[in-house]
C-alpha atoms as a PDB file:
ATOM      1  CA  MET A   1     -11.899  -8.627 -17.191  1.00  0.00           C
ATOM      2  CA  GLU A   2     -11.079  -4.649 -17.016  1.00  0.00           C
ATOM      3  CA  ASN A   3      -8.873  -3.058 -19.770  1.00  0.00           C
ATOM      4  CA  LYS A   4      -8.169   0.136 -17.724  1.00  0.00           C
ATOM      5  CA  LYS A   5      -4.680   1.111 -17.039  1.00  0.00           C
ATOM      6  CA  VAL A   6      -3.237   0.618 -13.235  1.00  0.00           C
ATOM      7  CA  LYS A   7      -3.114   3.790 -11.211  1.00  0.00           C
ATOM      8  CA  LYS A   8      -0.873   3.430  -8.328  1.00  0.00           C
ATOM      9  CA  THR A   9      -1.959   6.766  -6.957  1.00  0.00           C
ATOM     10  CA  ASN A  10      -4.949   9.204  -6.758  1.00  0.00           C
ATOM     11  CA  LEU A  11      -3.479  12.542  -6.830  1.00  0.00           C
ATOM     12  CA  LEU A  12      -6.441  14.089  -5.010  1.00  0.00           C
ATOM     13  CA  TYR A  13      -6.834  11.311  -2.417  1.00  0.00           C
ATOM     14  CA  LEU A  14      -2.967  11.996  -1.805  1.00  0.00           C
ATOM     15  CA  LEU A  15      -3.381  15.931  -1.385  1.00  0.00           C
ATOM     16  CA  CYS A  16      -6.289  15.670   0.627  1.00  0.00           C
ATOM     17  CA  TYR A  17      -4.411  12.999   2.846  1.00  0.00           C
ATOM     18  CA  ILE A  18      -1.662  15.345   3.699  1.00  0.00           C
ATOM     19  CA  LEU A  19      -2.989  19.033   3.342  1.00  0.00           C
ATOM     20  CA  VAL A  20      -6.562  18.670   4.456  1.00  0.00           C
ATOM     21  CA  PRO A  21      -5.282  18.381   8.332  1.00  0.00           C
ATOM     22  CA  VAL A  22      -2.461  20.963   7.544  1.00  0.00           C
ATOM     23  CA  VAL A  23      -5.176  23.401   6.559  1.00  0.00           C
ATOM     24  CA  LEU A  24      -7.074  22.460   9.372  1.00  0.00           C
ATOM     25  CA  ILE A  25      -4.442  23.195  11.683  1.00  0.00           C
ATOM     26  CA  PHE A  26      -4.035  26.505  10.447  1.00  0.00           C
ATOM     27  CA  LEU A  27      -7.324  27.622  10.081  1.00  0.00           C
ATOM     28  CA  CYS A  28      -8.089  26.730  13.536  1.00  0.00           C
ATOM     29  CA  ALA A  29      -5.091  28.587  14.725  1.00  0.00           C
ATOM     30  CA  TRP A  30      -6.137  31.626  12.792  1.00  0.00           C
ATOM     31  CA  VAL A  31      -9.561  31.592  14.310  1.00  0.00           C
ATOM     32  CA  GLY A  32      -8.052  31.430  17.645  1.00  0.00           C
ATOM     33  CA  VAL A  33      -5.669  34.177  17.118  1.00  0.00           C
ATOM     34  CA  LYS A  34      -8.060  36.216  15.464  1.00  0.00           C
ATOM     35  CA  TYR A  35     -11.736  35.891  17.292  1.00  0.00           C
ATOM     36  CA  CYS A  36     -10.202  34.722  20.748  1.00  0.00           C
ATOM     37  CA  PRO A  37      -7.288  37.152  22.065  1.00  0.00           C
ATOM     38  CA  THR A  38      -7.988  37.156  25.408  1.00  0.00           C
ATOM     39  CA  ASP A  39      -9.405  33.460  25.791  1.00  0.00           C
ATOM     40  CA  ASN A  40      -6.244  31.126  26.488  1.00  0.00           C
ATOM     41  CA  SER A  41      -8.526  27.975  27.257  1.00  0.00           C
ATOM     42  CA  THR A  42     -10.360  28.529  23.762  1.00  0.00           C
ATOM     43  CA  ARG A  43      -7.432  29.411  22.041  1.00  0.00           C
ATOM     44  CA  SER A  44      -5.394  26.572  23.029  1.00  0.00           C
ATOM     45  CA  LEU A  45      -8.176  23.644  22.558  1.00  0.00           C
ATOM     46  CA  LEU A  46      -8.283  25.506  18.841  1.00  0.00           C
ATOM     47  CA  LEU A  47      -4.449  24.715  18.442  1.00  0.00           C
ATOM     48  CA  THR A  48      -4.695  21.046  20.311  1.00  0.00           C
ATOM     49  CA  ALA A  49      -7.450  19.408  19.100  1.00  0.00           C
ATOM     50  CA  PRO A  50      -7.174  19.812  15.352  1.00  0.00           C
ATOM     51  CA  THR A  51      -3.455  18.669  15.837  1.00  0.00           C
ATOM     52  CA  ILE A  52      -4.372  15.456  17.835  1.00  0.00           C
ATOM     53  CA  LEU A  53      -6.824  14.686  15.357  1.00  0.00           C
ATOM     54  CA  SER A  54      -4.340  15.039  12.491  1.00  0.00           C
ATOM     55  CA  VAL A  55      -2.001  12.862  14.000  1.00  0.00           C
ATOM     56  CA  LEU A  56      -4.636  10.220  14.706  1.00  0.00           C
ATOM     57  CA  TRP A  57      -5.657  10.649  11.182  1.00  0.00           C
ATOM     58  CA  TRP A  58      -2.103  10.201   9.697  1.00  0.00           C
ATOM     59  CA  THR A  59      -1.252   7.642  12.174  1.00  0.00           C
ATOM     60  CA  PHE A  60      -4.701   5.067  12.017  1.00  0.00           C
ATOM     61  CA  ALA A  61      -7.519   6.609   9.776  1.00  0.00           C
ATOM     62  CA  GLY A  62      -5.556   5.855   6.678  1.00  0.00           C
ATOM     63  CA  ARG A  63      -4.724   2.562   7.417  1.00  0.00           C
ATOM     64  CA  ALA A  64      -8.097   1.785   8.401  1.00  0.00           C
ATOM     65  CA  LEU A  65     -10.009   3.037   5.480  1.00  0.00           C
ATOM     66  CA  PHE A  66      -7.354   1.065   3.131  1.00  0.00           C
ATOM     67  CA  ARG A  67      -8.396  -2.065   5.444  1.00  0.00           C
ATOM     68  CA  ALA A  68     -12.360  -0.995   4.716  1.00  0.00           C
ATOM     69  CA  ARG A  69     -11.774  -0.544   1.062  1.00  0.00           C
ATOM     70  CA  GLU A  70      -9.650  -4.127   0.971  1.00  0.00           C
ATOM     71  CA  LYS A  71     -13.243  -5.759   2.378  1.00  0.00           C
ATOM     72  CA  ALA A  72     -15.297  -4.099   0.053  1.00  0.00           C
ATOM     73  CA  MET A  73     -13.099  -5.370  -2.803  1.00  0.00           C
ATOM     74  CA  GLU A  74     -13.159  -8.510  -1.542  1.00  0.00           C
ATOM     75  CA  HIS A  75     -16.957  -8.670  -1.519  1.00  0.00           C
ATOM     76  CA  ALA A  76     -17.019  -7.231  -5.079  1.00  0.00           C
ATOM     77  CA  LEU A  77     -14.826  -9.947  -6.199  1.00  0.00           C
ATOM     78  CA  ASP A  78     -16.464 -12.584  -4.725  1.00  0.00           C
ATOM     79  CA  ALA A  79     -19.911 -11.328  -6.579  1.00  0.00           C
ATOM     80  CA  LYS A  80     -18.258 -11.443  -9.895  1.00  0.00           C
ATOM     81  CA  GLY A  81     -16.927 -14.859  -9.533  1.00  0.00           C
ATOM     82  CA  PHE A  82     -13.273 -14.145  -8.953  1.00  0.00           C
ATOM     83  CA  ALA A  83     -11.880 -17.346  -7.096  1.00  0.00           C
ATOM     84  CA  ARG A  84      -9.456 -15.787  -4.593  1.00  0.00           C
ATOM     85  CA  SER A  85      -6.526 -18.634  -4.593  1.00  0.00           C
ATOM     86  CA  HIS A  86      -3.815 -16.161  -2.810  1.00  0.00           C
ATOM     87  CA  THR A  87      -3.890 -13.043  -1.061  1.00  0.00           C
ATOM     88  CA  PHE A  88      -0.774 -10.872  -0.194  1.00  0.00           C
ATOM     89  CA  ARG A  89      -1.342  -8.050   1.839  1.00  0.00           C
ATOM     90  CA  SER A  90       1.436  -5.183   2.136  1.00  0.00           C
ATOM     91  CA  ARG A  91       1.106  -1.663   3.591  1.00  0.00           C
ATOM     92  CA  SER A  92       1.404  -0.123   0.207  1.00  0.00           C
ATOM     93  CA  CYS A  93      -0.643  -2.785  -2.052  1.00  0.00           C
ATOM     94  CA  ILE A  94      -2.702  -5.787  -2.090  1.00  0.00           C
ATOM     95  CA  VAL A  95      -2.519  -8.378  -4.564  1.00  0.00           C
ATOM     96  CA  ILE A  96      -5.234 -11.039  -5.297  1.00  0.00           C
ATOM     97  CA  ALA A  97      -4.301 -13.910  -7.919  1.00  0.00           C
ATOM     98  CA  ASP A  98      -7.268 -16.090  -9.307  1.00  0.00           C
ATOM     99  CA  GLY A  99      -5.576 -18.982 -10.090  1.00  0.00           C
ATOM    100  CA  GLU A 100      -8.437 -20.873 -12.143  1.00  0.00           C
ATOM    101  CA  LYS A 101      -9.018 -17.715 -14.442  1.00  0.00           C
ATOM    102  CA  GLY A 102      -5.207 -16.249 -14.442  1.00  0.00           C
ATOM    103  CA  GLN A 103      -6.411 -13.135 -13.311  1.00  0.00           C
ATOM    104  CA  ILE A 104      -5.109 -10.425 -10.364  1.00  0.00           C
ATOM    105  CA  ALA A 105      -6.363  -7.721  -8.591  1.00  0.00           C
ATOM    106  CA  LEU A 106      -4.480  -4.829  -7.113  1.00  0.00           C
ATOM    107  CA  LEU A 107      -5.606  -2.340  -4.396  1.00  0.00           C
ATOM    108  CA  PHE A 108      -2.984   0.420  -3.733  1.00  0.00           C
ATOM    109  CA  PHE A 109      -2.715   2.656  -0.106  1.00  0.00           C
ATOM    110  CA  TRP A 110      -2.803   5.800  -2.285  1.00  0.00           C
ATOM    111  CA  ASN A 111      -5.666   4.697  -4.674  1.00  0.00           C
ATOM    112  CA  PRO A 112      -7.993   3.002  -2.243  1.00  0.00           C
ATOM    113  CA  PHE A 113     -11.506   4.155  -3.814  1.00  0.00           C
ATOM    114  CA  GLU A 114     -10.299   1.849  -7.030  1.00  0.00           C
ATOM    115  CA  TYR A 115      -9.232  -1.677  -7.369  1.00  0.00           C
ATOM    116  CA  PHE A 116      -8.131  -3.218 -10.791  1.00  0.00           C
ATOM    117  CA  VAL A 117      -8.762  -6.717 -12.041  1.00  0.00           C
ATOM    118  CA  LEU A 118      -6.575  -7.497 -14.873  1.00  0.00           C
ATOM    119  CA  PRO A 119      -5.447 -10.807 -16.853  1.00  0.00           C
ATOM    120  CA  ALA A 120      -2.143 -12.042 -15.248  1.00  0.00           C
ATOM    121  CA  SER A 121      -0.928 -12.138 -18.971  1.00  0.00           C
ATOM    122  CA  ARG A 122      -0.569  -8.154 -18.864  1.00  0.00           C
ATOM    123  CA  ILE A 123       2.446  -8.744 -16.173  1.00  0.00           C
ATOM    124  CA  SER A 124       5.501  -8.608 -18.574  1.00  0.00           C
ATOM    125  CA  LYS A 125       8.200  -8.922 -15.788  1.00  0.00           C
ATOM    126  CA  ILE A 126       8.167 -10.320 -12.500  1.00  0.00           C
ATOM    127  CA  TRP A 127      11.354 -10.857  -9.936  1.00  0.00           C
ATOM    128  CA  VAL A 128      12.139 -10.878  -6.562  1.00  0.00           C
ATOM    129  CA  ASP A 129      14.796  -8.029  -4.878  1.00  0.00           C
ATOM    130  CA  ASP A 130      16.265  -8.924  -1.610  1.00  0.00           C
ATOM    131  CA  GLY A 131      17.772  -5.552  -1.290  1.00  0.00           C
ATOM    132  CA  CYS A 132      21.097  -7.021  -0.512  1.00  0.00           C
ATOM    133  CA  SER A 133      23.872  -4.112  -0.414  1.00  0.00           C
ATOM    134  CA  GLY A 134      27.147  -4.054   1.163  1.00  0.00           C
ATOM    135  CA  ALA A 135      29.988  -5.788   1.393  1.00  0.00           C
ATOM    136  CA  GLY A 136      31.835  -8.312   4.452  1.00  0.00           C
ATOM    137  CA  PHE A 137      30.153  -7.589   7.653  1.00  0.00           C
ATOM    138  CA  LEU A 138      28.339  -4.970   6.393  1.00  0.00           C
ATOM    139  CA  LYS A 139      26.551  -7.263   3.792  1.00  0.00           C
ATOM    140  CA  GLY A 140      22.745  -7.138   4.769  1.00  0.00           C
ATOM    141  CA  SER A 141      19.183  -5.828   3.948  1.00  0.00           C
ATOM    142  CA  SER A 142      16.317  -3.777   5.426  1.00  0.00           C
ATOM    143  CA  ARG A 143      13.644  -4.190   2.516  1.00  0.00           C
ATOM    144  CA  VAL A 144      12.740  -7.563   0.505  1.00  0.00           C
ATOM    145  CA  SER A 145      10.138  -7.253  -2.008  1.00  0.00           C
ATOM    146  CA  PHE A 146       8.562  -8.716  -4.994  1.00  0.00           C
ATOM    147  CA  LEU A 147       8.440  -6.857  -7.881  1.00  0.00           C
ATOM    148  CA  PHE A 148       6.263  -6.528 -11.582  1.00  0.00           C
ATOM    149  CA  VAL A 149       5.670  -4.548 -14.325  1.00  0.00           C
ATOM    150  CA  VAL A 150       1.877  -4.054 -15.768  1.00  0.00           C
ATOM    151  CA  ASP A 151       1.596  -2.004 -18.704  1.00  0.00           C
ATOM    152  CA  GLY A 152       4.977  -0.656 -18.309  1.00  0.00           C
ATOM    153  CA  ILE A 153       4.079   0.515 -14.467  1.00  0.00           C
ATOM    154  CA  LYS A 154       6.584  -0.849 -11.709  1.00  0.00           C
ATOM    155  CA  ILE A 155       4.872  -2.501  -8.953  1.00  0.00           C
ATOM    156  CA  ARG A 156       7.117  -3.502  -5.680  1.00  0.00           C
ATOM    157  CA  VAL A 157       5.157  -5.069  -2.868  1.00  0.00           C
ATOM    158  CA  ASN A 158       7.354  -5.480   0.327  1.00  0.00           C
ATOM    159  CA  THR A 159       7.315  -8.809   1.906  1.00  0.00           C
ATOM    160  CA  PHE A 160       9.606  -7.362   4.998  1.00  0.00           C
ATOM    161  CA  THR A 161      10.706  -3.978   5.656  1.00  0.00           C
ATOM    162  CA  SER A 162      12.580  -2.744   8.997  1.00  0.00           C
ATOM    163  CA  ASN A 163      14.383   0.460   9.887  1.00  0.00           C
ATOM    164  CA  LYS A 164      17.461  -1.900  10.926  1.00  0.00           C
ATOM    165  CA  ARG A 165      19.716  -3.458   8.494  1.00  0.00           C
ATOM    166  CA  TRP A 166      19.641  -7.413   8.635  1.00  0.00           C
ATOM    167  CA  ARG A 167      22.166 -10.077   7.957  1.00  0.00           C
ATOM    168  CA  MET A 168      21.235 -12.056   4.623  1.00  0.00           C
ATOM    169  CA  ASP A 169      20.873 -15.191   6.674  1.00  0.00           C
ATOM    170  CA  SER A 170      18.464 -13.739   9.484  1.00  0.00           C
ATOM    171  CA  ASN A 171      15.314 -15.514   9.905  1.00  0.00           C
ATOM    172  CA  TYR A 172      13.590 -11.971   8.722  1.00  0.00           C
ATOM    173  CA  ILE A 173      15.160 -11.828   5.502  1.00  0.00           C
ATOM    174  CA  LEU A 174      15.096 -15.502   4.625  1.00  0.00           C
ATOM    175  CA  THR A 175      11.151 -15.063   5.397  1.00  0.00           C
ATOM    176  CA  GLY A 176      10.517 -12.064   3.192  1.00  0.00           C
ATOM    177  CA  ILE A 177      12.425 -13.893   0.279  1.00  0.00           C
ATOM    178  CA  SER A 178      10.697 -16.885   0.724  1.00  0.00           C
ATOM    179  CA  LYS A 179       7.443 -14.969   0.625  1.00  0.00           C
ATOM    180  CA  ALA A 180       8.331 -13.175  -2.153  1.00  0.00           C
ATOM    181  CA  ASP A 181       9.636 -16.207  -4.385  1.00  0.00           C
ATOM    182  CA  MET A 182       5.999 -17.786  -3.466  1.00  0.00           C
ATOM    183  CA  MET A 183       4.352 -14.606  -5.021  1.00  0.00           C
ATOM    184  CA  VAL A 184       6.604 -14.364  -7.832  1.00  0.00           C
ATOM    185  CA  ASP A 185       5.608 -18.169  -8.451  1.00  0.00           C
ATOM    186  CA  VAL A 186       1.943 -17.574  -8.119  1.00  0.00           C
ATOM    187  CA  LEU A 187       1.835 -14.600 -10.625  1.00  0.00           C
ATOM    188  CA  LYS A 188       3.822 -16.472 -13.107  1.00  0.00           C
ATOM    189  CA  SER A 189       1.306 -19.661 -12.888  1.00  0.00           C
ATOM    190  CA  ALA A 190      -1.487 -17.203 -12.916  1.00  0.00           C
ATOM    191  CA  GLY A 191       0.172 -15.711 -16.213  1.00  0.00           C
ATOM    192  CA  ALA A 192       0.442 -19.240 -17.890  1.00  0.00           C
ATOM    193  CA  GLN A 193      -3.292 -19.905 -17.035  1.00  0.00           C
ATOM    194  CA  ALA A 194      -4.449 -16.386 -18.569  1.00  0.00           C
ATOM    195  CA  GLY A 195      -2.606 -17.296 -22.161  1.00  0.00           C
END
């Protein structure tokens, strides 16, 4: 078991993820203006190509890297004898439970190069947030999640998100609540198994 503190965000990765493409765009624009003042095709290529590559990076590459790191984590866990009894994948976090040994493994989108394996007994609080707000016909939610606290750090894992508010009796909301309830039960039983 690992005793290291859970770290949801790697600041260096976050800054590189956001700033390196921006710096590349400005650098190519500067080169185009400075060294190609009369060559419009080269200048437009130096402005367009890095912008397209940056958009592709922000849209696809981060997610692909996260999925690749998930596969690497799963192989490493299997090699250590971690029995993956339940896995929940969200866009920001992956939670894997080992019900036999009472352990959980965590991988975060903003810290993809480091995963955490810890006894589920380190979870001090677990609950479901249905995101319900509003009153009357405005009552609804656009996010359902389960949350837990490990070493004083609150971790939210979304089971449903939308850019639209849904009624609380919507199948989307009810399915999200059902998934969140299931994960709360999984984490509680893993915690009971751990100790």
